[in-house]
């Protein structure tokens, strides 16, 4: 049951990346509408998951995954530099996110 809520954090993070990119690159009413919808979905899913999981850990995982996704999307779609240092730090961030999830201490319901 708890796995369902952790997966919802991944979904919320996906929509976080979407609205962050939208805030920078939206040029039309349709793109702005997609950005607003992504914000609503992202925070709705985040709030629902935080009702069942530790809030601090949920937020850290949400922001960490959103950061990783945004940096990767910048590299892949917007031609940002993919330095060894940047990729290494992203790896460290991912390890931290995974570690937080593993030590959250939540028992399966």
C-alpha atoms as a PDB file:
ATOM      1  CA  UNK A   1       0.000   0.000   0.000  1.00  0.00           C
ATOM      2  CA  UNK A   2       2.791   2.433   0.860  1.00  0.00           C
ATOM      3  CA  UNK A   3       4.439   1.642  -2.487  1.00  0.00           C
ATOM      4  CA  UNK A   4       1.394   3.168  -4.170  1.00  0.00           C
ATOM      5  CA  UNK A   5       2.036   6.451  -2.380  1.00  0.00           C
ATOM      6  CA  UNK A   6       5.747   6.422  -3.222  1.00  0.00           C
ATOM      7  CA  UNK A   7       4.875   5.864  -6.879  1.00  0.00           C
ATOM      8  CA  UNK A   8       2.501   8.811  -6.686  1.00  0.00           C
ATOM      9  CA  UNK A   9       5.453  10.979  -5.579  1.00  0.00           C
ATOM     10  CA  UNK A  10       7.255   9.952  -8.781  1.00  0.00           C
ATOM     11  CA  UNK A  11       4.163  10.965 -10.769  1.00  0.00           C
ATOM     12  CA  UNK A  12       3.950  14.287  -8.895  1.00  0.00           C
ATOM     13  CA  UNK A  13       7.645  14.893  -9.655  1.00  0.00           C
ATOM     14  CA  UNK A  14       7.036  14.247 -13.350  1.00  0.00           C
ATOM     15  CA  UNK A  15       4.361  16.945 -13.352  1.00  0.00           C
ATOM     16  CA  UNK A  16       6.680  19.215 -11.358  1.00  0.00           C
ATOM     17  CA  UNK A  17       9.261  18.983 -14.142  1.00  0.00           C
ATOM     18  CA  UNK A  18       6.507  19.743 -16.645  1.00  0.00           C
ATOM     19  CA  UNK A  19       5.370  22.919 -14.918  1.00  0.00           C
ATOM     20  CA  UNK A  20       8.905  24.124 -14.214  1.00  0.00           C
ATOM     21  CA  UNK A  21       9.738  23.840 -17.915  1.00  0.00           C
ATOM     22  CA  UNK A  22       6.394  25.442 -18.735  1.00  0.00           C
ATOM     23  CA  UNK A  23       7.125  28.453 -16.535  1.00  0.00           C
ATOM     24  CA  UNK A  24      10.241  29.147 -18.577  1.00  0.00           C
ATOM     25  CA  UNK A  25       9.182  28.149 -22.077  1.00  0.00           C
ATOM     26  CA  UNK A  26       5.386  28.604 -22.365  1.00  0.00           C
ATOM     27  CA  UNK A  27       4.527  31.069 -25.126  1.00  0.00           C
ATOM     28  CA  UNK A  28       0.901  30.370 -25.974  1.00  0.00           C
ATOM     29  CA  UNK A  29      -2.367  30.151 -24.052  1.00  0.00           C
ATOM     30  CA  UNK A  30      -2.423  26.376 -24.586  1.00  0.00           C
ATOM     31  CA  UNK A  31       1.098  25.970 -23.186  1.00  0.00           C
ATOM     32  CA  UNK A  32       0.226  28.136 -20.177  1.00  0.00           C
ATOM     33  CA  UNK A  33      -2.907  26.061 -19.618  1.00  0.00           C
ATOM     34  CA  UNK A  34      -0.779  22.905 -19.642  1.00  0.00           C
ATOM     35  CA  UNK A  35       1.573  24.523 -17.129  1.00  0.00           C
ATOM     36  CA  UNK A  36      -1.295  25.420 -14.797  1.00  0.00           C
ATOM     37  CA  UNK A  37      -2.797  21.940 -15.073  1.00  0.00           C
ATOM     38  CA  UNK A  38       0.614  20.439 -14.295  1.00  0.00           C
ATOM     39  CA  UNK A  39       0.908  22.615 -11.166  1.00  0.00           C
ATOM     40  CA  UNK A  40      -2.520  21.518  -9.964  1.00  0.00           C
ATOM     41  CA  UNK A  41      -1.853  17.813 -10.594  1.00  0.00           C
ATOM     42  CA  UNK A  42       1.626  17.977  -9.083  1.00  0.00           C
ATOM     43  CA  UNK A  43       0.546  19.543  -5.806  1.00  0.00           C
ATOM     44  CA  UNK A  44      -2.695  17.566  -5.508  1.00  0.00           C
ATOM     45  CA  UNK A  45      -0.825  14.272  -5.791  1.00  0.00           C
ATOM     46  CA  UNK A  46       1.913  15.536  -3.442  1.00  0.00           C
ATOM     47  CA  UNK A  47      -0.628  16.530  -0.775  1.00  0.00           C
ATOM     48  CA  UNK A  48      -2.490  13.207  -0.996  1.00  0.00           C
ATOM     49  CA  UNK A  49       0.743  11.217  -0.651  1.00  0.00           C
ATOM     50  CA  UNK A  50       1.894  13.322   2.295  1.00  0.00           C
ATOM     51  CA  UNK A  51      -1.251  12.282   4.161  1.00  0.00           C
ATOM     52  CA  UNK A  52       0.142   8.717   4.246  1.00  0.00           C
ATOM     53  CA  UNK A  53       3.926   9.203   4.280  1.00  0.00           C
ATOM     54  CA  UNK A  54       6.364  11.328   6.342  1.00  0.00           C
ATOM     55  CA  UNK A  55       5.950  14.883   5.069  1.00  0.00           C
ATOM     56  CA  UNK A  56       9.621  15.887   5.271  1.00  0.00           C
ATOM     57  CA  UNK A  57      10.766  12.820   3.375  1.00  0.00           C
ATOM     58  CA  UNK A  58       7.978  13.168   0.806  1.00  0.00           C
ATOM     59  CA  UNK A  59       8.911  16.769   0.095  1.00  0.00           C
ATOM     60  CA  UNK A  60      12.634  16.005  -0.129  1.00  0.00           C
ATOM     61  CA  UNK A  61      12.011  13.145  -2.564  1.00  0.00           C
ATOM     62  CA  UNK A  62       9.569  15.258  -4.598  1.00  0.00           C
ATOM     63  CA  UNK A  63      11.978  18.182  -4.924  1.00  0.00           C
ATOM     64  CA  UNK A  64      14.997  15.914  -5.512  1.00  0.00           C
ATOM     65  CA  UNK A  65      13.324  13.988  -8.317  1.00  0.00           C
ATOM     66  CA  UNK A  66      11.989  17.227  -9.794  1.00  0.00           C
ATOM     67  CA  UNK A  67      15.478  18.717  -9.764  1.00  0.00           C
ATOM     68  CA  UNK A  68      16.999  15.656 -11.411  1.00  0.00           C
ATOM     69  CA  UNK A  69      14.273  15.603 -14.056  1.00  0.00           C
ATOM     70  CA  UNK A  70      14.607  19.307 -14.793  1.00  0.00           C
ATOM     71  CA  UNK A  71      18.398  19.141 -15.177  1.00  0.00           C
ATOM     72  CA  UNK A  72      18.173  16.069 -17.421  1.00  0.00           C
ATOM     73  CA  UNK A  73      15.476  17.709 -19.558  1.00  0.00           C
ATOM     74  CA  UNK A  74      17.636  20.847 -19.860  1.00  0.00           C
ATOM     75  CA  UNK A  75      20.507  18.692 -21.113  1.00  0.00           C
ATOM     76  CA  UNK A  76      18.422  16.586 -23.510  1.00  0.00           C
ATOM     77  CA  UNK A  77      15.974  19.148 -24.911  1.00  0.00           C
ATOM     78  CA  UNK A  78      17.558  22.554 -24.367  1.00  0.00           C
ATOM     79  CA  UNK A  79      21.240  21.871 -25.141  1.00  0.00           C
ATOM     80  CA  UNK A  80      22.616  22.630 -21.679  1.00  0.00           C
ATOM     81  CA  UNK A  81      26.130  21.420 -20.915  1.00  0.00           C
ATOM     82  CA  UNK A  82      26.357  17.852 -19.564  1.00  0.00           C
ATOM     83  CA  UNK A  83      29.604  18.068 -17.615  1.00  0.00           C
ATOM     84  CA  UNK A  84      31.008  15.180 -15.598  1.00  0.00           C
ATOM     85  CA  UNK A  85      30.634  17.297 -12.453  1.00  0.00           C
ATOM     86  CA  UNK A  86      26.959  18.055 -13.158  1.00  0.00           C
ATOM     87  CA  UNK A  87      26.147  14.404 -13.880  1.00  0.00           C
ATOM     88  CA  UNK A  88      28.087  13.275 -10.814  1.00  0.00           C
ATOM     89  CA  UNK A  89      26.174  15.665  -8.578  1.00  0.00           C
ATOM     90  CA  UNK A  90      22.882  14.493 -10.074  1.00  0.00           C
ATOM     91  CA  UNK A  91      23.959  10.925  -9.215  1.00  0.00           C
ATOM     92  CA  UNK A  92      24.682  11.964  -5.630  1.00  0.00           C
ATOM     93  CA  UNK A  93      21.291  13.667  -5.428  1.00  0.00           C
ATOM     94  CA  UNK A  94      19.583  10.517  -6.676  1.00  0.00           C
ATOM     95  CA  UNK A  95      21.447   8.429  -4.096  1.00  0.00           C
ATOM     96  CA  UNK A  96      20.228  10.800  -1.406  1.00  0.00           C
ATOM     97  CA  UNK A  97      16.627  10.554  -2.613  1.00  0.00           C
ATOM     98  CA  UNK A  98      16.792   6.754  -2.711  1.00  0.00           C
ATOM     99  CA  UNK A  99      18.435   6.707   0.717  1.00  0.00           C
ATOM    100  CA  UNK A 100      15.693   8.893   2.198  1.00  0.00           C
ATOM    101  CA  UNK A 101      13.047   6.570   0.863  1.00  0.00           C
ATOM    102  CA  UNK A 102      14.853   3.502   2.232  1.00  0.00           C
ATOM    103  CA  UNK A 103      15.297   4.913   5.734  1.00  0.00           C
ATOM    104  CA  UNK A 104      11.861   6.535   6.001  1.00  0.00           C
ATOM    105  CA  UNK A 105      10.860   3.804   8.459  1.00  0.00           C
ATOM    106  CA  UNK A 106       7.353   3.461   7.119  1.00  0.00           C
ATOM    107  CA  UNK A 107       5.909   0.004   7.644  1.00  0.00           C
ATOM    108  CA  UNK A 108       3.748  -1.494   4.955  1.00  0.00           C
ATOM    109  CA  UNK A 109       0.051  -0.964   5.741  1.00  0.00           C
END
